[in-house]
Amino acid sequence: MKSQLPLRSAIVEILREKDGVMLDGDLLIALKSKYGDLYFSAGEINKALIALETQGLVHVQTITRHKRRIMTIKDKDAIYMGVEED
């Protein structure tokens, strides 16, 4: 079932409830528990996270090959650089 809920807004809302930091697996669980009847594919979640990161609202950090940490950016002056950018 295709969701009518703006996924980016749902992600930001869940992150705010969890003090701004969570793992991607926990985000998926939170989305399923909060909006159980809606289905979000991994591709949709990744696209939403990329959009939020380019807007400067979140930072996604790779921890392991299959685990990422998602953090809200509270300081608008903070700049996060990739590994090859420093």
PDB file of N, CA and C in Angstrom:
ATOM      1  N   MET A   1       0.843  -1.178   0.000  1.00  0.00           N
ATOM      2  CA  MET A   1       0.000   0.000   0.000  1.00  0.00           C
ATOM      3  C   MET A   1       0.887   1.239   0.000  1.00  0.00           C
ATOM      4  N   LYS A   2       0.657   2.140  -0.912  1.00  0.00           N
ATOM      5  CA  LYS A   2       1.424   3.373  -1.004  1.00  0.00           C
ATOM      6  C   LYS A   2       0.924   4.342   0.058  1.00  0.00           C
ATOM      7  N   SER A   3       1.850   4.934   0.791  1.00  0.00           N
ATOM      8  CA  SER A   3       1.461   5.810   1.886  1.00  0.00           C
ATOM      9  C   SER A   3       1.121   7.201   1.388  1.00  0.00           C
ATOM     10  N   GLN A   4       0.205   7.858   2.061  1.00  0.00           N
ATOM     11  CA  GLN A   4      -0.152   9.234   1.771  1.00  0.00           C
ATOM     12  C   GLN A   4       0.528  10.179   2.757  1.00  0.00           C
ATOM     13  N   LEU A   5       1.170   9.640   3.760  1.00  0.00           N
ATOM     14  CA  LEU A   5       1.845  10.412   4.785  1.00  0.00           C
ATOM     15  C   LEU A   5       3.186  10.899   4.260  1.00  0.00           C
ATOM     16  N   PRO A   6       3.513  12.181   4.449  1.00  0.00           N
ATOM     17  CA  PRO A   6       4.850  12.631   4.048  1.00  0.00           C
ATOM     18  C   PRO A   6       5.905  11.929   4.910  1.00  0.00           C
ATOM     19  N   LEU A   7       6.651  11.062   4.299  1.00  0.00           N
ATOM     20  CA  LEU A   7       7.608  10.230   5.029  1.00  0.00           C
ATOM     21  C   LEU A   7       8.675  11.064   5.718  1.00  0.00           C
ATOM     22  N   ARG A   8       9.131  12.123   5.069  1.00  0.00           N
ATOM     23  CA  ARG A   8      10.153  12.968   5.684  1.00  0.00           C
ATOM     24  C   ARG A   8       9.656  13.579   6.984  1.00  0.00           C
ATOM     25  N   SER A   9       8.412  14.018   6.995  1.00  0.00           N
ATOM     26  CA  SER A   9       7.831  14.591   8.222  1.00  0.00           C
ATOM     27  C   SER A   9       7.721  13.538   9.312  1.00  0.00           C
ATOM     28  N   ALA A  10       7.353  12.327   8.927  1.00  0.00           N
ATOM     29  CA  ALA A  10       7.235  11.243   9.906  1.00  0.00           C
ATOM     30  C   ALA A  10       8.590  10.913  10.518  1.00  0.00           C
ATOM     31  N   ILE A  11       9.636  10.909   9.705  1.00  0.00           N
ATOM     32  CA  ILE A  11      10.981  10.608  10.206  1.00  0.00           C
ATOM     33  C   ILE A  11      11.434  11.683  11.183  1.00  0.00           C
ATOM     34  N   VAL A  12      11.238  12.945  10.826  1.00  0.00           N
ATOM     35  CA  VAL A  12      11.636  14.042  11.712  1.00  0.00           C
ATOM     36  C   VAL A  12      10.854  13.982  13.016  1.00  0.00           C
ATOM     37  N   GLU A  13       9.571  13.681  12.939  1.00  0.00           N
ATOM     38  CA  GLU A  13       8.736  13.578  14.137  1.00  0.00           C
ATOM     39  C   GLU A  13       9.227  12.468  15.068  1.00  0.00           C
ATOM     40  N   ILE A  14       9.540  11.313  14.506  1.00  0.00           N
ATOM     41  CA  ILE A  14      10.026  10.189  15.309  1.00  0.00           C
ATOM     42  C   ILE A  14      11.385  10.523  15.924  1.00  0.00           C
ATOM     43  N   LEU A  15      12.265  11.155  15.158  1.00  0.00           N
ATOM     44  CA  LEU A  15      13.569  11.542  15.696  1.00  0.00           C
ATOM     45  C   LEU A  15      13.431  12.518  16.853  1.00  0.00           C
ATOM     46  N   ARG A  16      12.507  13.444  16.759  1.00  0.00           N
ATOM     47  CA  ARG A  16      12.294  14.394  17.857  1.00  0.00           C
ATOM     48  C   ARG A  16      11.794  13.690  19.110  1.00  0.00           C
ATOM     49  N   GLU A  17      10.955  12.692  18.931  1.00  0.00           N
ATOM     50  CA  GLU A  17      10.455  11.924  20.076  1.00  0.00           C
ATOM     51  C   GLU A  17      11.574  11.123  20.739  1.00  0.00           C
ATOM     52  N   LYS A  18      12.592  10.748  19.984  1.00  0.00           N
ATOM     53  CA  LYS A  18      13.690   9.919  20.491  1.00  0.00           C
ATOM     54  C   LYS A  18      14.937  10.754  20.784  1.00  0.00           C
ATOM     55  N   ASP A  19      14.779  12.007  21.107  1.00  0.00           N
ATOM     56  CA  ASP A  19      15.871  12.922  21.454  1.00  0.00           C
ATOM     57  C   ASP A  19      16.860  13.136  20.312  1.00  0.00           C
ATOM     58  N   GLY A  20      16.427  12.950  19.094  1.00  0.00           N
ATOM     59  CA  GLY A  20      17.224  13.322  17.936  1.00  0.00           C
ATOM     60  C   GLY A  20      18.255  12.338  17.442  1.00  0.00           C
ATOM     61  N   VAL A  21      18.371  11.158  18.055  1.00  0.00           N
ATOM     62  CA  VAL A  21      19.372  10.175  17.615  1.00  0.00           C
ATOM     63  C   VAL A  21      18.767   8.778  17.672  1.00  0.00           C
ATOM     64  N   MET A  22      18.955   8.021  16.592  1.00  0.00           N
ATOM     65  CA  MET A  22      18.536   6.618  16.585  1.00  0.00           C
ATOM     66  C   MET A  22      19.200   5.882  15.434  1.00  0.00           C
ATOM     67  N   LEU A  23      19.193   4.563  15.532  1.00  0.00           N
ATOM     68  CA  LEU A  23      19.728   3.718  14.466  1.00  0.00           C
ATOM     69  C   LEU A  23      18.663   3.513  13.399  1.00  0.00           C
ATOM     70  N   ASP A  24      19.100   3.211  12.180  1.00  0.00           N
ATOM     71  CA  ASP A  24      18.143   3.042  11.091  1.00  0.00           C
ATOM     72  C   ASP A  24      17.189   1.877  11.318  1.00  0.00           C
ATOM     73  N   GLY A  25      17.658   0.807  11.958  1.00  0.00           N
ATOM     74  CA  GLY A  25      16.779  -0.318  12.283  1.00  0.00           C
ATOM     75  C   GLY A  25      15.700   0.085  13.278  1.00  0.00           C
ATOM     76  N   ASP A  26      16.077   0.908  14.255  1.00  0.00           N
ATOM     77  CA  ASP A  26      15.106   1.403  15.227  1.00  0.00           C
ATOM     78  C   ASP A  26      14.099   2.350  14.573  1.00  0.00           C
ATOM     79  N   LEU A  27      14.566   3.114  13.592  1.00  0.00           N
ATOM     80  CA  LEU A  27      13.659   4.000  12.854  1.00  0.00           C
ATOM     81  C   LEU A  27      12.610   3.184  12.109  1.00  0.00           C
ATOM     82  N   LEU A  28      13.032   2.118  11.470  1.00  0.00           N
ATOM     83  CA  LEU A  28      12.099   1.253  10.751  1.00  0.00           C
ATOM     84  C   LEU A  28      11.067   0.659  11.704  1.00  0.00           C
ATOM     85  N   ILE A  29      11.508   0.210  12.876  1.00  0.00           N
ATOM     86  CA  ILE A  29      10.590  -0.343  13.877  1.00  0.00           C
ATOM     87  C   ILE A  29       9.619   0.720  14.355  1.00  0.00           C
ATOM     88  N   ALA A  30      10.116   1.939  14.591  1.00  0.00           N
ATOM     89  CA  ALA A  30       9.258   3.028  15.048  1.00  0.00           C
ATOM     90  C   ALA A  30       8.230   3.409  13.983  1.00  0.00           C
ATOM     91  N   LEU A  31       8.638   3.423  12.727  1.00  0.00           N
ATOM     92  CA  LEU A  31       7.693   3.721  11.646  1.00  0.00           C
ATOM     93  C   LEU A  31       6.601   2.656  11.568  1.00  0.00           C
ATOM     94  N   LYS A  32       7.007   1.389  11.692  1.00  0.00           N
ATOM     95  CA  LYS A  32       6.023   0.304  11.634  1.00  0.00           C
ATOM     96  C   LYS A  32       5.077   0.337  12.822  1.00  0.00           C
ATOM     97  N   SER A  33       5.590   0.662  14.016  1.00  0.00           N
ATOM     98  CA  SER A  33       4.709   0.679  15.188  1.00  0.00           C
ATOM     99  C   SER A  33       3.784   1.892  15.188  1.00  0.00           C
ATOM    100  N   LYS A  34       4.266   3.021  14.672  1.00  0.00           N
ATOM    101  CA  LYS A  34       3.446   4.232  14.675  1.00  0.00           C
ATOM    102  C   LYS A  34       2.454   4.261  13.515  1.00  0.00           C
ATOM    103  N   TYR A  35       2.878   3.792  12.347  1.00  0.00           N
ATOM    104  CA  TYR A  35       2.042   3.825  11.146  1.00  0.00           C
ATOM    105  C   TYR A  35       1.926   2.414  10.589  1.00  0.00           C
ATOM    106  N   GLY A  36       1.483   1.479  11.406  1.00  0.00           N
ATOM    107  CA  GLY A  36       1.489   0.063  11.086  1.00  0.00           C
ATOM    108  C   GLY A  36       0.808  -0.325   9.796  1.00  0.00           C
ATOM    109  N   ASP A  37      -0.290   0.329   9.440  1.00  0.00           N
ATOM    110  CA  ASP A  37      -1.025  -0.072   8.245  1.00  0.00           C
ATOM    111  C   ASP A  37      -0.387   0.472   6.964  1.00  0.00           C
ATOM    112  N   LEU A  38       0.580   1.394   7.094  1.00  0.00           N
ATOM    113  CA  LEU A  38       1.259   1.929   5.928  1.00  0.00           C
ATOM    114  C   LEU A  38       2.559   1.175   5.714  1.00  0.00           C
ATOM    115  N   TYR A  39       2.956   1.018   4.476  1.00  0.00           N
ATOM    116  CA  TYR A  39       4.184   0.304   4.164  1.00  0.00           C
ATOM    117  C   TYR A  39       5.204   1.275   3.580  1.00  0.00           C
ATOM    118  N   PHE A  40       6.381   1.310   4.161  1.00  0.00           N
ATOM    119  CA  PHE A  40       7.476   2.121   3.651  1.00  0.00           C
ATOM    120  C   PHE A  40       8.585   1.181   3.218  1.00  0.00           C
ATOM    121  N   SER A  41       8.956   1.247   1.951  1.00  0.00           N
ATOM    122  CA  SER A  41      10.041   0.392   1.478  1.00  0.00           C
ATOM    123  C   SER A  41      11.380   0.974   1.909  1.00  0.00           C
ATOM    124  N   ALA A  42      12.413   0.152   1.852  1.00  0.00           N
ATOM    125  CA  ALA A  42      13.758   0.609   2.203  1.00  0.00           C
ATOM    126  C   ALA A  42      14.201   1.721   1.258  1.00  0.00           C
ATOM    127  N   GLY A  43      13.820   1.617   0.001  1.00  0.00           N
ATOM    128  CA  GLY A  43      14.157   2.650  -0.977  1.00  0.00           C
ATOM    129  C   GLY A  43      13.501   3.986  -0.655  1.00  0.00           C
ATOM    130  N   GLU A  44      12.232   3.941  -0.252  1.00  0.00           N
ATOM    131  CA  GLU A  44      11.538   5.173   0.122  1.00  0.00           C
ATOM    132  C   GLU A  44      12.184   5.819   1.342  1.00  0.00           C
ATOM    133  N   ILE A  45      12.555   5.007   2.324  1.00  0.00           N
ATOM    134  CA  ILE A  45      13.185   5.532   3.536  1.00  0.00           C
ATOM    135  C   ILE A  45      14.548   6.126   3.188  1.00  0.00           C
ATOM    136  N   ASN A  46      15.323   5.455   2.347  1.00  0.00           N
ATOM    137  CA  ASN A  46      16.630   5.983   1.943  1.00  0.00           C
ATOM    138  C   ASN A  46      16.503   7.300   1.194  1.00  0.00           C
ATOM    139  N   LYS A  47      15.535   7.400   0.294  1.00  0.00           N
ATOM    140  CA  LYS A  47      15.318   8.643  -0.444  1.00  0.00           C
ATOM    141  C   LYS A  47      14.920   9.779   0.501  1.00  0.00           C
ATOM    142  N   ALA A  48      14.076   9.465   1.468  1.00  0.00           N
ATOM    143  CA  ALA A  48      13.663  10.476   2.442  1.00  0.00           C
ATOM    144  C   ALA A  48      14.839  10.929   3.287  1.00  0.00           C
ATOM    145  N   LEU A  49      15.703   9.988   3.703  1.00  0.00           N
ATOM    146  CA  LEU A  49      16.875  10.341   4.497  1.00  0.00           C
ATOM    147  C   LEU A  49      17.860  11.189   3.689  1.00  0.00           C
ATOM    148  N   ILE A  50      18.039  10.867   2.420  1.00  0.00           N
ATOM    149  CA  ILE A  50      18.918  11.666   1.566  1.00  0.00           C
ATOM    150  C   ILE A  50      18.370  13.077   1.413  1.00  0.00           C
ATOM    151  N   ALA A  51      17.064  13.192   1.205  1.00  0.00           N
ATOM    152  CA  ALA A  51      16.446  14.514   1.071  1.00  0.00           C
ATOM    153  C   ALA A  51      16.602  15.314   2.363  1.00  0.00           C
ATOM    154  N   LEU A  52      16.385  14.686   3.500  1.00  0.00           N
ATOM    155  CA  LEU A  52      16.526  15.372   4.784  1.00  0.00           C
ATOM    156  C   LEU A  52      17.970  15.783   5.034  1.00  0.00           C
ATOM    157  N   GLU A  53      18.911  14.947   4.598  1.00  0.00           N
ATOM    158  CA  GLU A  53      20.319  15.275   4.801  1.00  0.00           C
ATOM    159  C   GLU A  53      20.744  16.437   3.902  1.00  0.00           C
ATOM    160  N   THR A  54      20.269  16.458   2.669  1.00  0.00           N
ATOM    161  CA  THR A  54      20.626  17.563   1.777  1.00  0.00           C
ATOM    162  C   THR A  54      19.966  18.868   2.207  1.00  0.00           C
ATOM    163  N   GLN A  55      18.844  18.779   2.908  1.00  0.00           N
ATOM    164  CA  GLN A  55      18.186  19.975   3.442  1.00  0.00           C
ATOM    165  C   GLN A  55      18.845  20.458   4.727  1.00  0.00           C
ATOM    166  N   GLY A  56      19.757  19.671   5.262  1.00  0.00           N
ATOM    167  CA  GLY A  56      20.452  20.058   6.480  1.00  0.00           C
ATOM    168  C   GLY A  56      19.662  19.797   7.748  1.00  0.00           C
ATOM    169  N   LEU A  57      18.695  18.896   7.690  1.00  0.00           N
ATOM    170  CA  LEU A  57      17.870  18.598   8.859  1.00  0.00           C
ATOM    171  C   LEU A  57      18.386  17.410   9.653  1.00  0.00           C
ATOM    172  N   VAL A  58      19.015  16.451   8.978  1.00  0.00           N
ATOM    173  CA  VAL A  58      19.567  15.283   9.665  1.00  0.00           C
ATOM    174  C   VAL A  58      20.962  14.992   9.129  1.00  0.00           C
ATOM    175  N   HIS A  59      21.699  14.190   9.889  1.00  0.00           N
ATOM    176  CA  HIS A  59      22.996  13.676   9.447  1.00  0.00           C
ATOM    177  C   HIS A  59      22.939  12.163   9.600  1.00  0.00           C
ATOM    178  N   VAL A  60      23.289  11.447   8.544  1.00  0.00           N
ATOM    179  CA  VAL A  60      23.289   9.989   8.558  1.00  0.00           C
ATOM    180  C   VAL A  60      24.740   9.532   8.554  1.00  0.00           C
ATOM    181  N   GLN A  61      25.102   8.759   9.580  1.00  0.00           N
ATOM    182  CA  GLN A  61      26.477   8.293   9.747  1.00  0.00           C
ATOM    183  C   GLN A  61      26.499   6.774   9.654  1.00  0.00           C
ATOM    184  N   THR A  62      27.359   6.241   8.818  1.00  0.00           N
ATOM    185  CA  THR A  62      27.502   4.795   8.689  1.00  0.00           C
ATOM    186  C   THR A  62      28.332   4.267   9.852  1.00  0.00           C
ATOM    187  N   ILE A  63      27.777   3.277  10.556  1.00  0.00           N
ATOM    188  CA  ILE A  63      28.479   2.657  11.671  1.00  0.00           C
ATOM    189  C   ILE A  63      29.132   1.358  11.209  1.00  0.00           C
ATOM    190  N   THR A  64      28.326   0.478  10.629  1.00  0.00           N
ATOM    191  CA  THR A  64      28.835  -0.748  10.012  1.00  0.00           C
ATOM    192  C   THR A  64      28.209  -0.844   8.630  1.00  0.00           C
ATOM    193  N   ARG A  65      28.484  -1.926   7.949  1.00  0.00           N
ATOM    194  CA  ARG A  65      27.971  -2.079   6.586  1.00  0.00           C
ATOM    195  C   ARG A  65      26.440  -2.002   6.518  1.00  0.00           C
ATOM    196  N   HIS A  66      25.759  -2.504   7.540  1.00  0.00           N
ATOM    197  CA  HIS A  66      24.299  -2.549   7.518  1.00  0.00           C
ATOM    198  C   HIS A  66      23.657  -1.753   8.649  1.00  0.00           C
ATOM    199  N   LYS A  67      24.416  -0.845   9.251  1.00  0.00           N
ATOM    200  CA  LYS A  67      23.870  -0.084  10.372  1.00  0.00           C
ATOM    201  C   LYS A  67      24.272   1.383  10.239  1.00  0.00           C
ATOM    202  N   ARG A  68      23.271   2.269  10.377  1.00  0.00           N
ATOM    203  CA  ARG A  68      23.532   3.702  10.288  1.00  0.00           C
ATOM    204  C   ARG A  68      22.920   4.415  11.492  1.00  0.00           C
ATOM    205  N   ARG A  69      23.572   5.505  11.908  1.00  0.00           N
ATOM    206  CA  ARG A  69      23.041   6.345  12.977  1.00  0.00           C
ATOM    207  C   ARG A  69      22.450   7.594  12.319  1.00  0.00           C
ATOM    208  N   ILE A  70      21.230   7.943  12.716  1.00  0.00           N
ATOM    209  CA  ILE A  70      20.547   9.108  12.167  1.00  0.00           C
ATOM    210  C   ILE A  70      20.403  10.121  13.290  1.00  0.00           C
ATOM    211  N   MET A  71      20.888  11.344  13.037  1.00  0.00           N
ATOM    212  CA  MET A  71      20.846  12.387  14.061  1.00  0.00           C
ATOM    213  C   MET A  71      20.233  13.648  13.472  1.00  0.00           C
ATOM    214  N   THR A  72      19.423  14.324  14.270  1.00  0.00           N
ATOM    215  CA  THR A  72      18.929  15.623  13.835  1.00  0.00           C
ATOM    216  C   THR A  72      20.038  16.638  14.030  1.00  0.00           C
ATOM    217  N   ILE A  73      20.095  17.618  13.157  1.00  0.00           N
ATOM    218  CA  ILE A  73      21.088  18.673  13.269  1.00  0.00           C
ATOM    219  C   ILE A  73      20.430  19.830  14.008  1.00  0.00           C
ATOM    220  N   LYS A  74      20.914  20.069  15.215  1.00  0.00           N
ATOM    221  CA  LYS A  74      20.333  21.116  16.054  1.00  0.00           C
ATOM    222  C   LYS A  74      21.014  22.449  15.820  1.00  0.00           C
ATOM    223  N   ASP A  75      22.317  22.420  15.580  1.00  0.00           N
ATOM    224  CA  ASP A  75      23.075  23.639  15.350  1.00  0.00           C
ATOM    225  C   ASP A  75      23.130  23.892  13.846  1.00  0.00           C
ATOM    226  N   LYS A  76      22.501  24.938  13.401  1.00  0.00           N
ATOM    227  CA  LYS A  76      22.451  25.223  11.965  1.00  0.00           C
ATOM    228  C   LYS A  76      23.815  25.558  11.383  1.00  0.00           C
ATOM    229  N   ASP A  77      24.786  25.936  12.229  1.00  0.00           N
ATOM    230  CA  ASP A  77      26.121  26.266  11.752  1.00  0.00           C
ATOM    231  C   ASP A  77      27.021  25.045  11.652  1.00  0.00           C
ATOM    232  N   ALA A  78      26.564  23.898  12.160  1.00  0.00           N
ATOM    233  CA  ALA A  78      27.379  22.680  12.127  1.00  0.00           C
ATOM    234  C   ALA A  78      27.465  22.151  10.697  1.00  0.00           C
ATOM    235  N   ILE A  79      28.656  21.777  10.304  1.00  0.00           N
ATOM    236  CA  ILE A  79      28.871  21.226   8.981  1.00  0.00           C
ATOM    237  C   ILE A  79      29.496  19.844   9.162  1.00  0.00           C
ATOM    238  N   TYR A  80      28.868  18.835   8.583  1.00  0.00           N
ATOM    239  CA  TYR A  80      29.390  17.483   8.664  1.00  0.00           C
ATOM    240  C   TYR A  80      30.052  17.156   7.329  1.00  0.00           C
ATOM    241  N   MET A  81      31.296  16.722   7.393  1.00  0.00           N
ATOM    242  CA  MET A  81      32.020  16.379   6.181  1.00  0.00           C
ATOM    243  C   MET A  81      32.155  14.867   6.079  1.00  0.00           C
ATOM    244  N   GLY A  82      32.181  14.386   4.870  1.00  0.00           N
ATOM    245  CA  GLY A  82      32.421  12.977   4.637  1.00  0.00           C
ATOM    246  C   GLY A  82      33.884  12.639   4.891  1.00  0.00           C
ATOM    247  N   VAL A  83      34.209  11.393   4.891  1.00  0.00           N
ATOM    248  CA  VAL A  83      35.560  10.921   5.194  1.00  0.00           C
ATOM    249  C   VAL A  83      36.569  11.501   4.224  1.00  0.00           C
ATOM    250  N   GLU A  84      36.221  11.572   2.952  1.00  0.00           N
ATOM    251  CA  GLU A  84      37.166  12.027   1.945  1.00  0.00           C
ATOM    252  C   GLU A  84      37.194  13.549   1.800  1.00  0.00           C
ATOM    253  N   GLU A  85      36.342  14.261   2.519  1.00  0.00           N
ATOM    254  CA  GLU A  85      36.246  15.707   2.370  1.00  0.00           C
ATOM    255  C   GLU A  85      37.137  16.473   3.326  1.00  0.00           C
ATOM    256  N   ASP A  86      37.682  15.841   4.381  1.00  0.00           N
ATOM    257  CA  ASP A  86      38.443  16.592   5.370  1.00  0.00           C
ATOM    258  C   ASP A  86      39.863  16.743   4.984  1.00  0.00           C
TER     259      ASP A  86
END
